[in-house]
Amino acid sequence: MNQLSSIVKVTKMATWTAWRKIADRDFWYDDEFDHDGPACYELAIGGPKYGNIRTVYVGETANEKKRLSAYAQHGSHLSEIIASHLRQGWTLYYRAIAKPTKSAAKQLQNNLLHQFDYDWNLQLNPKEE
């Protein structure tokens, strides 16, 4: 992908995507990952038909497609909590916003962590006083 087409794609994806189902108890839907660049993303759990979606994690990556595919393969540091929720019948969702650089994605992630308490994030969550 050349630099111009990459900029056009980031510009088109300047807002959050709609929530996308990425896993349920029986299947990982990794064919939905389409952005091949920096992004900030959120993971959520909910019912199988997009019901009661609750955001539980925010992250950033240099390559959305590779990062979210990694969750499908081994889940990284979230593998146990993801597997536990899927076994309980939850469905895993994600949404993302493309950024021009990894540092811009990290800045958005950190801003969100300071604003909201994500259950699966351990650092930078607002502290209760």
C-alpha atoms as a PDB file:
ATOM      1  CA  MET A   1       0.000   0.000   0.000  1.00  0.00           C
ATOM      2  CA  ASN A   2       1.509   3.354  -0.932  1.00  0.00           C
ATOM      3  CA  GLN A   3       1.578   6.307   1.457  1.00  0.00           C
ATOM      4  CA  LEU A   4      -1.268   8.192  -0.270  1.00  0.00           C
ATOM      5  CA  SER A   5      -3.662   5.239  -0.178  1.00  0.00           C
ATOM      6  CA  SER A   6      -2.729   4.675   3.460  1.00  0.00           C
ATOM      7  CA  ILE A   7      -3.579   8.321   4.287  1.00  0.00           C
ATOM      8  CA  VAL A   8      -6.877   8.060   2.396  1.00  0.00           C
ATOM      9  CA  LYS A   9      -7.781   4.885   4.313  1.00  0.00           C
ATOM     10  CA  VAL A  10      -6.961   6.506   7.688  1.00  0.00           C
ATOM     11  CA  THR A  11      -9.011   9.566   6.732  1.00  0.00           C
ATOM     12  CA  LYS A  12     -11.988   7.391   5.796  1.00  0.00           C
ATOM     13  CA  MET A  13     -11.705   5.572   9.139  1.00  0.00           C
ATOM     14  CA  ALA A  14     -11.413   8.727  11.285  1.00  0.00           C
ATOM     15  CA  THR A  15     -14.293   7.639  13.524  1.00  0.00           C
ATOM     16  CA  TRP A  16     -14.935   4.452  15.450  1.00  0.00           C
ATOM     17  CA  THR A  17     -16.021   1.478  13.378  1.00  0.00           C
ATOM     18  CA  ALA A  18     -19.271  -0.229  14.259  1.00  0.00           C
ATOM     19  CA  TRP A  19     -18.927  -3.045  16.788  1.00  0.00           C
ATOM     20  CA  ARG A  20     -17.806  -6.255  15.076  1.00  0.00           C
ATOM     21  CA  LYS A  21     -18.207  -9.773  16.447  1.00  0.00           C
ATOM     22  CA  ILE A  22     -14.793 -11.406  16.682  1.00  0.00           C
ATOM     23  CA  ALA A  23     -15.433 -14.515  18.789  1.00  0.00           C
ATOM     24  CA  ASP A  24     -18.030 -16.639  20.466  1.00  0.00           C
ATOM     25  CA  ARG A  25     -17.800 -19.934  22.304  1.00  0.00           C
ATOM     26  CA  ASP A  26     -17.242 -21.907  19.101  1.00  0.00           C
ATOM     27  CA  PHE A  27     -15.580 -19.631  16.538  1.00  0.00           C
ATOM     28  CA  TRP A  28     -13.146 -16.744  15.899  1.00  0.00           C
ATOM     29  CA  TYR A  29     -14.308 -14.394  13.150  1.00  0.00           C
ATOM     30  CA  ASP A  30     -10.872 -13.146  12.114  1.00  0.00           C
ATOM     31  CA  ASP A  31     -11.828 -12.507   8.477  1.00  0.00           C
ATOM     32  CA  GLU A  32     -13.325  -9.166   9.616  1.00  0.00           C
ATOM     33  CA  PHE A  33      -9.953  -7.551  10.325  1.00  0.00           C
ATOM     34  CA  ASP A  34      -9.326  -5.160   7.468  1.00  0.00           C
ATOM     35  CA  HIS A  35      -7.161  -2.233   8.609  1.00  0.00           C
ATOM     36  CA  ASP A  36      -3.474  -2.869   8.035  1.00  0.00           C
ATOM     37  CA  GLY A  37      -2.082   0.042  10.063  1.00  0.00           C
ATOM     38  CA  PRO A  38      -2.004   1.895  13.400  1.00  0.00           C
ATOM     39  CA  ALA A  39      -5.204   1.973  15.421  1.00  0.00           C
ATOM     40  CA  CYS A  40      -6.715   2.349  18.850  1.00  0.00           C
ATOM     41  CA  TYR A  41      -9.275  -0.360  19.580  1.00  0.00           C
ATOM     42  CA  GLU A  42     -11.741  -1.438  22.219  1.00  0.00           C
ATOM     43  CA  LEU A  43     -12.829  -4.950  23.151  1.00  0.00           C
ATOM     44  CA  ALA A  44     -16.275  -5.618  24.550  1.00  0.00           C
ATOM     45  CA  ILE A  45     -18.369  -8.540  25.711  1.00  0.00           C
ATOM     46  CA  GLY A  46     -22.059  -8.965  25.086  1.00  0.00           C
ATOM     47  CA  GLY A  47     -24.820 -11.232  23.957  1.00  0.00           C
ATOM     48  CA  PRO A  48     -24.606 -13.161  20.673  1.00  0.00           C
ATOM     49  CA  LYS A  49     -26.867 -10.747  18.784  1.00  0.00           C
ATOM     50  CA  TYR A  50     -25.065  -7.521  19.800  1.00  0.00           C
ATOM     51  CA  GLY A  51     -27.110  -7.264  22.984  1.00  0.00           C
ATOM     52  CA  ASN A  52     -25.865  -5.619  26.186  1.00  0.00           C
ATOM     53  CA  ILE A  53     -22.407  -4.793  24.828  1.00  0.00           C
ATOM     54  CA  ARG A  54     -20.064  -3.722  27.632  1.00  0.00           C
ATOM     55  CA  THR A  55     -16.641  -2.286  26.792  1.00  0.00           C
ATOM     56  CA  VAL A  56     -13.929  -3.991  28.858  1.00  0.00           C
ATOM     57  CA  TYR A  57     -10.561  -3.149  27.280  1.00  0.00           C
ATOM     58  CA  VAL A  58      -8.799  -0.464  25.256  1.00  0.00           C
ATOM     59  CA  GLY A  59      -5.548  -1.011  23.389  1.00  0.00           C
ATOM     60  CA  GLU A  60      -3.357   0.413  20.672  1.00  0.00           C
ATOM     61  CA  THR A  61      -1.321  -1.188  17.945  1.00  0.00           C
ATOM     62  CA  ALA A  62       0.929  -0.455  15.000  1.00  0.00           C
ATOM     63  CA  ASN A  63      -1.112  -2.933  12.927  1.00  0.00           C
ATOM     64  CA  GLU A  64      -4.762  -3.576  13.759  1.00  0.00           C
ATOM     65  CA  LYS A  65      -5.117  -6.584  11.482  1.00  0.00           C
ATOM     66  CA  LYS A  66      -2.110  -8.410  12.972  1.00  0.00           C
ATOM     67  CA  ARG A  67      -2.935  -7.480  16.567  1.00  0.00           C
ATOM     68  CA  LEU A  68      -6.529  -8.654  16.492  1.00  0.00           C
ATOM     69  CA  SER A  69      -5.549 -11.814  14.617  1.00  0.00           C
ATOM     70  CA  ALA A  70      -3.111 -12.500  17.471  1.00  0.00           C
ATOM     71  CA  TYR A  71      -6.045 -12.504  19.912  1.00  0.00           C
ATOM     72  CA  ALA A  72      -7.657 -15.220  17.790  1.00  0.00           C
ATOM     73  CA  GLN A  73      -4.486 -17.304  17.802  1.00  0.00           C
ATOM     74  CA  HIS A  74      -3.229 -17.016  21.374  1.00  0.00           C
ATOM     75  CA  GLY A  75      -4.901 -14.036  23.040  1.00  0.00           C
ATOM     76  CA  SER A  76      -1.624 -12.667  24.414  1.00  0.00           C
ATOM     77  CA  HIS A  77      -1.934 -11.294  27.950  1.00  0.00           C
ATOM     78  CA  LEU A  78      -5.740 -11.484  27.764  1.00  0.00           C
ATOM     79  CA  SER A  79      -6.001 -15.145  26.722  1.00  0.00           C
ATOM     80  CA  GLU A  80      -7.269 -16.463  30.058  1.00  0.00           C
ATOM     81  CA  ILE A  81      -9.898 -13.786  30.608  1.00  0.00           C
ATOM     82  CA  ILE A  82     -11.107 -14.000  26.996  1.00  0.00           C
ATOM     83  CA  ALA A  83     -11.333 -17.814  27.139  1.00  0.00           C
ATOM     84  CA  SER A  84     -13.182 -17.661  30.464  1.00  0.00           C
ATOM     85  CA  HIS A  85     -15.811 -15.251  29.136  1.00  0.00           C
ATOM     86  CA  LEU A  86     -16.278 -17.229  25.917  1.00  0.00           C
ATOM     87  CA  ARG A  87     -16.794 -20.442  27.935  1.00  0.00           C
ATOM     88  CA  GLN A  88     -19.458 -18.625  29.970  1.00  0.00           C
ATOM     89  CA  GLY A  89     -21.363 -17.897  26.739  1.00  0.00           C
ATOM     90  CA  TRP A  90     -20.300 -14.281  26.165  1.00  0.00           C
ATOM     91  CA  THR A  91     -19.488 -13.008  22.688  1.00  0.00           C
ATOM     92  CA  LEU A  92     -16.365 -10.897  22.107  1.00  0.00           C
ATOM     93  CA  TYR A  93     -16.642  -7.712  20.031  1.00  0.00           C
ATOM     94  CA  TYR A  94     -14.246  -5.017  18.911  1.00  0.00           C
ATOM     95  CA  ARG A  95     -14.279  -1.612  17.320  1.00  0.00           C
ATOM     96  CA  ALA A  96     -11.372   0.534  16.219  1.00  0.00           C
ATOM     97  CA  ILE A  97     -10.327   3.922  15.007  1.00  0.00           C
ATOM     98  CA  ALA A  98      -7.438   4.234  12.561  1.00  0.00           C
ATOM     99  CA  LYS A  99      -4.635   6.617  13.448  1.00  0.00           C
ATOM    100  CA  PRO A 100      -1.804   7.987  11.289  1.00  0.00           C
ATOM    101  CA  THR A 101       0.880   6.675  13.694  1.00  0.00           C
ATOM    102  CA  LYS A 102       1.291   4.239  16.571  1.00  0.00           C
ATOM    103  CA  SER A 103       2.063   7.161  18.887  1.00  0.00           C
ATOM    104  CA  ALA A 104      -1.256   8.819  17.944  1.00  0.00           C
ATOM    105  CA  ALA A 105      -3.048   5.533  18.693  1.00  0.00           C
ATOM    106  CA  LYS A 106      -1.242   5.290  22.052  1.00  0.00           C
ATOM    107  CA  GLN A 107      -2.193   8.877  22.905  1.00  0.00           C
ATOM    108  CA  LEU A 108      -5.883   8.129  22.265  1.00  0.00           C
ATOM    109  CA  GLN A 109      -5.623   4.923  24.317  1.00  0.00           C
ATOM    110  CA  ASN A 110      -4.076   6.781  27.246  1.00  0.00           C
ATOM    111  CA  ASN A 111      -6.693   9.542  27.047  1.00  0.00           C
ATOM    112  CA  LEU A 112      -9.460   6.922  27.167  1.00  0.00           C
ATOM    113  CA  LEU A 113      -7.787   5.120  30.079  1.00  0.00           C
ATOM    114  CA  HIS A 114      -7.721   8.355  32.049  1.00  0.00           C
ATOM    115  CA  GLN A 115     -11.429   8.958  31.318  1.00  0.00           C
ATOM    116  CA  PHE A 116     -12.955   5.490  31.678  1.00  0.00           C
ATOM    117  CA  ASP A 117     -12.475   2.431  33.866  1.00  0.00           C
ATOM    118  CA  TYR A 118     -11.949  -0.584  31.604  1.00  0.00           C
ATOM    119  CA  ASP A 119     -12.331  -3.835  33.567  1.00  0.00           C
ATOM    120  CA  TRP A 120      -9.563  -5.675  31.702  1.00  0.00           C
ATOM    121  CA  ASN A 121      -7.001  -2.844  31.690  1.00  0.00           C
ATOM    122  CA  LEU A 122      -4.733  -2.866  34.708  1.00  0.00           C
ATOM    123  CA  GLN A 123      -2.752   0.333  34.204  1.00  0.00           C
ATOM    124  CA  LEU A 124      -3.793   3.961  33.810  1.00  0.00           C
ATOM    125  CA  ASN A 125      -7.418   3.320  34.784  1.00  0.00           C
ATOM    126  CA  PRO A 126      -8.909   6.121  36.887  1.00  0.00           C
ATOM    127  CA  LYS A 127      -8.148   5.470  40.529  1.00  0.00           C
ATOM    128  CA  GLU A 128     -10.991   5.426  43.034  1.00  0.00           C
ATOM    129  CA  GLU A 129     -10.445   7.848  45.902  1.00  0.00           C
END
